Amino acid sequence: LILFYKRKMALCGPKLSLCGVIISAWGIIQLSMMGIFFYINSVALIEDIKLAEEYEDLRKLKTDMDAGYQQNAYNCWIAALMYLVTLCVSAQQFWMNSRTSYSV
């Protein structure tokens, strides 16, 4: 990374880096909100948790639902953090492209 900075060389063009910034920002917003909704056990997302077909005990169903909601919330937040890394890389590339275009 330091080698690219010293050379002032971008890895991708301005359009691709801007696209990466926009998609990453949207991914962070969407996955963060989905993580919050999973964390508060939103009924609208019940089809997205893994459950068995039938339960004989109501306590087991509630335990599995809570565990599924919590796991999906953590998965969404981890994916949002991965989008944050993509946002940083795309923003750095966009900055490098805008910097080189003005210095010509």
C-alpha atoms as a PDB file:
ATOM      1  CA  LEU A   1       0.000   0.000   0.000  1.00  0.00           C
ATOM      2  CA  ILE A   2       2.839   2.387   0.786  1.00  0.00           C
ATOM      3  CA  LEU A   3       4.462   1.516  -2.549  1.00  0.00           C
ATOM      4  CA  PHE A   4       1.286   2.527  -4.428  1.00  0.00           C
ATOM      5  CA  TYR A   5       1.054   5.751  -2.425  1.00  0.00           C
ATOM      6  CA  LYS A   6       4.619   6.732  -3.225  1.00  0.00           C
ATOM      7  CA  ARG A   7       4.078   6.051  -6.914  1.00  0.00           C
ATOM      8  CA  LYS A   8       0.732   7.848  -6.888  1.00  0.00           C
ATOM      9  CA  MET A   9      -0.804   4.987  -8.778  1.00  0.00           C
ATOM     10  CA  ALA A  10      -4.455   4.051  -8.572  1.00  0.00           C
ATOM     11  CA  LEU A  11      -5.607   0.447  -8.859  1.00  0.00           C
ATOM     12  CA  CYS A  12      -8.967   1.282 -10.449  1.00  0.00           C
ATOM     13  CA  GLY A  13     -10.429   4.179 -12.367  1.00  0.00           C
ATOM     14  CA  PRO A  14     -12.569   7.043 -11.092  1.00  0.00           C
ATOM     15  CA  LYS A  15     -15.905   5.555 -12.187  1.00  0.00           C
ATOM     16  CA  LEU A  16     -15.244   2.166 -10.619  1.00  0.00           C
ATOM     17  CA  SER A  17     -13.994   3.703  -7.386  1.00  0.00           C
ATOM     18  CA  LEU A  18     -17.058   5.983  -7.167  1.00  0.00           C
ATOM     19  CA  CYS A  19     -19.299   2.975  -7.810  1.00  0.00           C
ATOM     20  CA  GLY A  20     -17.501   1.118  -5.019  1.00  0.00           C
ATOM     21  CA  VAL A  21     -18.026   4.044  -2.637  1.00  0.00           C
ATOM     22  CA  ILE A  22     -21.753   4.253  -3.392  1.00  0.00           C
ATOM     23  CA  ILE A  23     -22.399   0.504  -3.190  1.00  0.00           C
ATOM     24  CA  SER A  24     -20.343   0.190  -0.003  1.00  0.00           C
ATOM     25  CA  ALA A  25     -22.174   3.057   1.686  1.00  0.00           C
ATOM     26  CA  TRP A  26     -25.526   1.527   0.759  1.00  0.00           C
ATOM     27  CA  GLY A  27     -24.400  -1.914   1.966  1.00  0.00           C
ATOM     28  CA  ILE A  28     -23.312  -0.491   5.320  1.00  0.00           C
ATOM     29  CA  ILE A  29     -26.651   1.270   5.819  1.00  0.00           C
ATOM     30  CA  GLN A  30     -28.774  -1.685   4.730  1.00  0.00           C
ATOM     31  CA  LEU A  31     -26.906  -4.380   6.645  1.00  0.00           C
ATOM     32  CA  SER A  32     -26.662  -2.274   9.795  1.00  0.00           C
ATOM     33  CA  MET A  33     -30.408  -1.709   9.776  1.00  0.00           C
ATOM     34  CA  MET A  34     -31.089  -5.384   9.071  1.00  0.00           C
ATOM     35  CA  GLY A  35     -28.792  -6.288  11.969  1.00  0.00           C
ATOM     36  CA  ILE A  36     -30.759  -3.985  14.262  1.00  0.00           C
ATOM     37  CA  PHE A  37     -34.051  -5.487  13.121  1.00  0.00           C
ATOM     38  CA  PHE A  38     -32.749  -9.017  13.660  1.00  0.00           C
ATOM     39  CA  TYR A  39     -31.447  -7.994  17.081  1.00  0.00           C
ATOM     40  CA  ILE A  40     -34.885  -6.743  18.168  1.00  0.00           C
ATOM     41  CA  ASN A  41     -36.524  -9.945  16.829  1.00  0.00           C
ATOM     42  CA  SER A  42     -38.554  -8.338  14.053  1.00  0.00           C
ATOM     43  CA  VAL A  43     -41.428 -10.583  13.038  1.00  0.00           C
ATOM     44  CA  ALA A  44     -41.046  -9.582   9.382  1.00  0.00           C
ATOM     45  CA  LEU A  45     -37.680 -11.389   9.247  1.00  0.00           C
ATOM     46  CA  ILE A  46     -38.792 -14.691  10.769  1.00  0.00           C
ATOM     47  CA  GLU A  47     -38.563 -16.464   7.397  1.00  0.00           C
ATOM     48  CA  ASP A  48     -34.837 -15.692   7.293  1.00  0.00           C
ATOM     49  CA  ILE A  49     -33.927 -17.643  10.427  1.00  0.00           C
ATOM     50  CA  LYS A  50     -33.226 -21.349  10.387  1.00  0.00           C
ATOM     51  CA  LEU A  51     -35.825 -23.374  12.288  1.00  0.00           C
ATOM     52  CA  ALA A  52     -36.915 -26.983  12.323  1.00  0.00           C
ATOM     53  CA  GLU A  53     -40.184 -27.937  10.659  1.00  0.00           C
ATOM     54  CA  GLU A  54     -41.943 -28.964  13.862  1.00  0.00           C
ATOM     55  CA  TYR A  55     -41.460 -28.360  17.576  1.00  0.00           C
ATOM     56  CA  GLU A  56     -43.074 -30.208  20.438  1.00  0.00           C
ATOM     57  CA  ASP A  57     -41.885 -27.827  23.123  1.00  0.00           C
ATOM     58  CA  LEU A  58     -42.653 -24.115  22.997  1.00  0.00           C
ATOM     59  CA  ARG A  59     -39.538 -23.259  25.039  1.00  0.00           C
ATOM     60  CA  LYS A  60     -37.288 -24.998  22.496  1.00  0.00           C
ATOM     61  CA  LEU A  61     -38.936 -23.024  19.677  1.00  0.00           C
ATOM     62  CA  LYS A  62     -38.386 -19.733  21.517  1.00  0.00           C
ATOM     63  CA  THR A  63     -34.751 -20.649  22.277  1.00  0.00           C
ATOM     64  CA  ASP A  64     -34.067 -21.560  18.644  1.00  0.00           C
ATOM     65  CA  MET A  65     -35.770 -18.392  17.400  1.00  0.00           C
ATOM     66  CA  ASP A  66     -33.748 -16.179  19.737  1.00  0.00           C
ATOM     67  CA  ALA A  67     -30.504 -17.914  18.753  1.00  0.00           C
ATOM     68  CA  GLY A  68     -31.350 -17.601  15.048  1.00  0.00           C
ATOM     69  CA  TYR A  69     -32.195 -13.919  15.318  1.00  0.00           C
ATOM     70  CA  GLN A  70     -29.011 -13.231  17.257  1.00  0.00           C
ATOM     71  CA  GLN A  71     -26.823 -15.159  14.805  1.00  0.00           C
ATOM     72  CA  ASN A  72     -28.341 -13.357  11.816  1.00  0.00           C
ATOM     73  CA  ALA A  73     -27.825  -9.996  13.538  1.00  0.00           C
ATOM     74  CA  TYR A  74     -24.150 -10.785  14.089  1.00  0.00           C
ATOM     75  CA  ASN A  75     -23.792 -11.955  10.478  1.00  0.00           C
ATOM     76  CA  CYS A  76     -25.293  -8.690   9.200  1.00  0.00           C
ATOM     77  CA  TRP A  77     -22.979  -6.597  11.376  1.00  0.00           C
ATOM     78  CA  ILE A  78     -19.924  -8.564  10.266  1.00  0.00           C
ATOM     79  CA  ALA A  79     -20.905  -8.060   6.618  1.00  0.00           C
ATOM     80  CA  ALA A  80     -21.420  -4.328   7.291  1.00  0.00           C
ATOM     81  CA  LEU A  81     -17.882  -4.141   8.679  1.00  0.00           C
ATOM     82  CA  MET A  82     -16.603  -5.863   5.547  1.00  0.00           C
ATOM     83  CA  TYR A  83     -18.400  -3.226   3.481  1.00  0.00           C
ATOM     84  CA  LEU A  84     -16.668  -0.591   5.625  1.00  0.00           C
ATOM     85  CA  VAL A  85     -13.303  -1.981   4.525  1.00  0.00           C
ATOM     86  CA  THR A  86     -14.478  -1.874   0.908  1.00  0.00           C
ATOM     87  CA  LEU A  87     -15.626   1.708   1.414  1.00  0.00           C
ATOM     88  CA  CYS A  88     -12.201   2.729   2.738  1.00  0.00           C
ATOM     89  CA  VAL A  89     -10.394   1.118  -0.199  1.00  0.00           C
ATOM     90  CA  SER A  90     -12.800   2.640  -2.742  1.00  0.00           C
ATOM     91  CA  ALA A  91     -12.593   6.085  -1.129  1.00  0.00           C
ATOM     92  CA  GLN A  92      -8.793   5.920  -1.156  1.00  0.00           C
ATOM     93  CA  GLN A  93      -8.847   4.972  -4.821  1.00  0.00           C
ATOM     94  CA  PHE A  94     -11.293   7.777  -5.609  1.00  0.00           C
ATOM     95  CA  TRP A  95      -9.015  10.216  -3.774  1.00  0.00           C
ATOM     96  CA  MET A  96      -5.971   8.968  -5.686  1.00  0.00           C
ATOM     97  CA  ASN A  97      -7.800   9.373  -9.009  1.00  0.00           C
ATOM     98  CA  SER A  98      -9.030  12.861  -8.215  1.00  0.00           C
ATOM     99  CA  ARG A  99      -5.564  13.855  -7.013  1.00  0.00           C
ATOM    100  CA  THR A 100      -3.836  12.682 -10.175  1.00  0.00           C
ATOM    101  CA  SER A 101      -6.371  14.352 -12.454  1.00  0.00           C
ATOM    102  CA  TYR A 102      -5.730  17.780 -10.905  1.00  0.00           C
ATOM    103  CA  SER A 103      -1.934  17.504 -10.985  1.00  0.00           C
ATOM    104  CA  VAL A 104      -1.720  16.997 -14.759  1.00  0.00           C
END
